[in-house]
Amino acid sequence: MPSNAELERRKALLRGLAEQHHAQAIAALPLPREALTALFDHLDQALEAGCDHSLRFTRQFLQQQALDEATVVPWLQANGGYCDCEVLANVEDAWQ
């Protein structure tokens, strides 16, 4: 059985890896984190009437904010956001 010092060393290594992974994920965001949060807020309001299973409201937001759709949309899709409601259900859950 490993000593307490060894267990603490392993925990510290795991924490360091988790922090590194988190930092890399943040750096890979194709838009500022504040804009991503604002997108989620926009979709919360826009989807009160329901989702038409497109990225209509997402694209609208990206255009209004002058954000690059060609970069953001594939990233959203890679994170499970193929329509507006999936952006909220999948992407928001992963990033909030």
C-alpha atoms as a PDB file:
ATOM      1  CA  MET A   1       0.000   0.000   0.000  1.00  0.00           C
ATOM      2  CA  PRO A   2       1.385   3.444  -0.934  1.00  0.00           C
ATOM      3  CA  SER A   3       2.378   5.805   1.835  1.00  0.00           C
ATOM      4  CA  ASN A   4       0.364   8.924   2.647  1.00  0.00           C
ATOM      5  CA  ALA A   5       3.044  11.042   1.004  1.00  0.00           C
ATOM      6  CA  GLU A   6       2.779   8.975  -2.181  1.00  0.00           C
ATOM      7  CA  LEU A   7      -1.019   9.264  -2.180  1.00  0.00           C
ATOM      8  CA  GLU A   8      -0.766  13.039  -1.789  1.00  0.00           C
ATOM      9  CA  ARG A   9       1.785  13.206  -4.603  1.00  0.00           C
ATOM     10  CA  ARG A  10      -0.577  11.253  -6.884  1.00  0.00           C
ATOM     11  CA  LYS A  11      -3.509  13.513  -5.971  1.00  0.00           C
ATOM     12  CA  ALA A  12      -1.407  16.585  -6.741  1.00  0.00           C
ATOM     13  CA  LEU A  13      -0.455  15.144 -10.130  1.00  0.00           C
ATOM     14  CA  LEU A  14      -4.097  14.441 -10.943  1.00  0.00           C
ATOM     15  CA  ARG A  15      -5.120  17.968  -9.887  1.00  0.00           C
ATOM     16  CA  GLY A  16      -2.371  19.409 -12.050  1.00  0.00           C
ATOM     17  CA  LEU A  17      -3.510  17.382 -15.054  1.00  0.00           C
ATOM     18  CA  ALA A  18      -7.123  18.438 -14.529  1.00  0.00           C
ATOM     19  CA  GLU A  19      -6.109  22.104 -14.298  1.00  0.00           C
ATOM     20  CA  GLN A  20      -3.999  21.779 -17.433  1.00  0.00           C
ATOM     21  CA  HIS A  21      -6.874  20.129 -19.327  1.00  0.00           C
ATOM     22  CA  HIS A  22      -9.253  22.870 -18.203  1.00  0.00           C
ATOM     23  CA  ALA A  23      -6.847  25.614 -19.289  1.00  0.00           C
ATOM     24  CA  GLN A  24      -6.404  23.978 -22.700  1.00  0.00           C
ATOM     25  CA  ALA A  25     -10.171  23.700 -23.160  1.00  0.00           C
ATOM     26  CA  ILE A  26     -10.646  27.377 -22.281  1.00  0.00           C
ATOM     27  CA  ALA A  27      -7.860  28.378 -24.682  1.00  0.00           C
ATOM     28  CA  ALA A  28      -9.526  26.376 -27.474  1.00  0.00           C
ATOM     29  CA  LEU A  29     -12.822  28.260 -27.202  1.00  0.00           C
ATOM     30  CA  PRO A  30     -13.556  29.932 -30.558  1.00  0.00           C
ATOM     31  CA  LEU A  31     -15.180  32.910 -28.835  1.00  0.00           C
ATOM     32  CA  PRO A  32     -14.693  34.762 -25.560  1.00  0.00           C
ATOM     33  CA  ARG A  33     -16.153  32.949 -22.571  1.00  0.00           C
ATOM     34  CA  GLU A  34     -18.386  35.970 -21.848  1.00  0.00           C
ATOM     35  CA  ALA A  35     -19.817  35.707 -25.370  1.00  0.00           C
ATOM     36  CA  LEU A  36     -20.512  32.013 -24.861  1.00  0.00           C
ATOM     37  CA  THR A  37     -22.410  32.803 -21.663  1.00  0.00           C
ATOM     38  CA  ALA A  38     -24.311  35.561 -23.478  1.00  0.00           C
ATOM     39  CA  LEU A  39     -25.195  33.060 -26.237  1.00  0.00           C
ATOM     40  CA  PHE A  40     -26.686  30.711 -23.651  1.00  0.00           C
ATOM     41  CA  ASP A  41     -28.701  33.578 -22.154  1.00  0.00           C
ATOM     42  CA  HIS A  42     -29.893  34.611 -25.628  1.00  0.00           C
ATOM     43  CA  LEU A  43     -31.001  31.054 -26.403  1.00  0.00           C
ATOM     44  CA  ASP A  44     -32.797  30.725 -23.060  1.00  0.00           C
ATOM     45  CA  GLN A  45     -35.008  33.648 -24.056  1.00  0.00           C
ATOM     46  CA  ALA A  46     -35.303  32.864 -27.766  1.00  0.00           C
ATOM     47  CA  LEU A  47     -36.338  29.261 -27.193  1.00  0.00           C
ATOM     48  CA  GLU A  48     -39.308  30.036 -24.944  1.00  0.00           C
ATOM     49  CA  ALA A  49     -41.532  29.333 -27.967  1.00  0.00           C
ATOM     50  CA  GLY A  50     -39.637  26.124 -28.806  1.00  0.00           C
ATOM     51  CA  CYS A  51     -36.853  24.930 -31.064  1.00  0.00           C
ATOM     52  CA  ASP A  52     -37.223  24.472 -34.821  1.00  0.00           C
ATOM     53  CA  HIS A  53     -34.191  22.123 -34.717  1.00  0.00           C
ATOM     54  CA  SER A  54     -31.883  24.539 -36.500  1.00  0.00           C
ATOM     55  CA  LEU A  55     -29.192  26.924 -35.352  1.00  0.00           C
ATOM     56  CA  ARG A  56     -31.310  29.919 -36.363  1.00  0.00           C
ATOM     57  CA  PHE A  57     -31.079  31.779 -33.041  1.00  0.00           C
ATOM     58  CA  THR A  58     -27.436  30.825 -32.559  1.00  0.00           C
ATOM     59  CA  ARG A  59     -26.508  32.142 -36.000  1.00  0.00           C
ATOM     60  CA  GLN A  60     -28.553  35.291 -35.354  1.00  0.00           C
ATOM     61  CA  PHE A  61     -26.630  35.917 -32.130  1.00  0.00           C
ATOM     62  CA  LEU A  62     -23.254  35.273 -33.770  1.00  0.00           C
ATOM     63  CA  GLN A  63     -24.066  37.729 -36.561  1.00  0.00           C
ATOM     64  CA  GLN A  64     -25.274  40.390 -34.119  1.00  0.00           C
ATOM     65  CA  GLN A  65     -22.077  40.041 -32.087  1.00  0.00           C
ATOM     66  CA  ALA A  66     -19.832  39.928 -35.189  1.00  0.00           C
ATOM     67  CA  LEU A  67     -18.504  36.506 -34.173  1.00  0.00           C
ATOM     68  CA  ASP A  68     -17.111  34.105 -36.771  1.00  0.00           C
ATOM     69  CA  GLU A  69     -19.833  31.566 -37.605  1.00  0.00           C
ATOM     70  CA  ALA A  70     -17.395  29.493 -39.653  1.00  0.00           C
ATOM     71  CA  THR A  71     -15.363  28.855 -36.511  1.00  0.00           C
ATOM     72  CA  VAL A  72     -18.013  28.824 -33.781  1.00  0.00           C
ATOM     73  CA  VAL A  73     -20.666  26.614 -35.420  1.00  0.00           C
ATOM     74  CA  PRO A  74     -18.335  23.628 -36.045  1.00  0.00           C
ATOM     75  CA  TRP A  75     -17.064  23.941 -32.458  1.00  0.00           C
ATOM     76  CA  LEU A  76     -20.642  23.932 -31.138  1.00  0.00           C
ATOM     77  CA  GLN A  77     -21.450  20.892 -33.263  1.00  0.00           C
ATOM     78  CA  ALA A  78     -18.320  19.095 -32.070  1.00  0.00           C
ATOM     79  CA  ASN A  79     -19.620  19.680 -28.544  1.00  0.00           C
ATOM     80  CA  GLY A  80     -23.109  18.325 -29.310  1.00  0.00           C
ATOM     81  CA  GLY A  81     -24.853  21.534 -30.405  1.00  0.00           C
ATOM     82  CA  TYR A  82     -26.490  20.726 -33.750  1.00  0.00           C
ATOM     83  CA  CYS A  83     -29.540  22.918 -33.089  1.00  0.00           C
ATOM     84  CA  ASP A  84     -30.373  25.731 -30.692  1.00  0.00           C
ATOM     85  CA  CYS A  85     -31.894  23.481 -28.024  1.00  0.00           C
ATOM     86  CA  GLU A  86     -28.900  21.115 -28.198  1.00  0.00           C
ATOM     87  CA  VAL A  87     -26.549  24.070 -27.719  1.00  0.00           C
ATOM     88  CA  LEU A  88     -28.339  24.648 -24.416  1.00  0.00           C
ATOM     89  CA  ALA A  89     -28.752  20.997 -23.472  1.00  0.00           C
ATOM     90  CA  ASN A  90     -25.287  19.780 -24.394  1.00  0.00           C
ATOM     91  CA  VAL A  91     -22.860  22.656 -24.770  1.00  0.00           C
ATOM     92  CA  GLU A  92     -24.116  24.763 -21.861  1.00  0.00           C
ATOM     93  CA  ASP A  93     -24.094  21.766 -19.525  1.00  0.00           C
ATOM     94  CA  ALA A  94     -20.506  21.012 -20.476  1.00  0.00           C
ATOM     95  CA  TRP A  95     -19.266  24.603 -20.128  1.00  0.00           C
ATOM     96  CA  GLN A  96     -21.220  26.003 -17.186  1.00  0.00           C
END
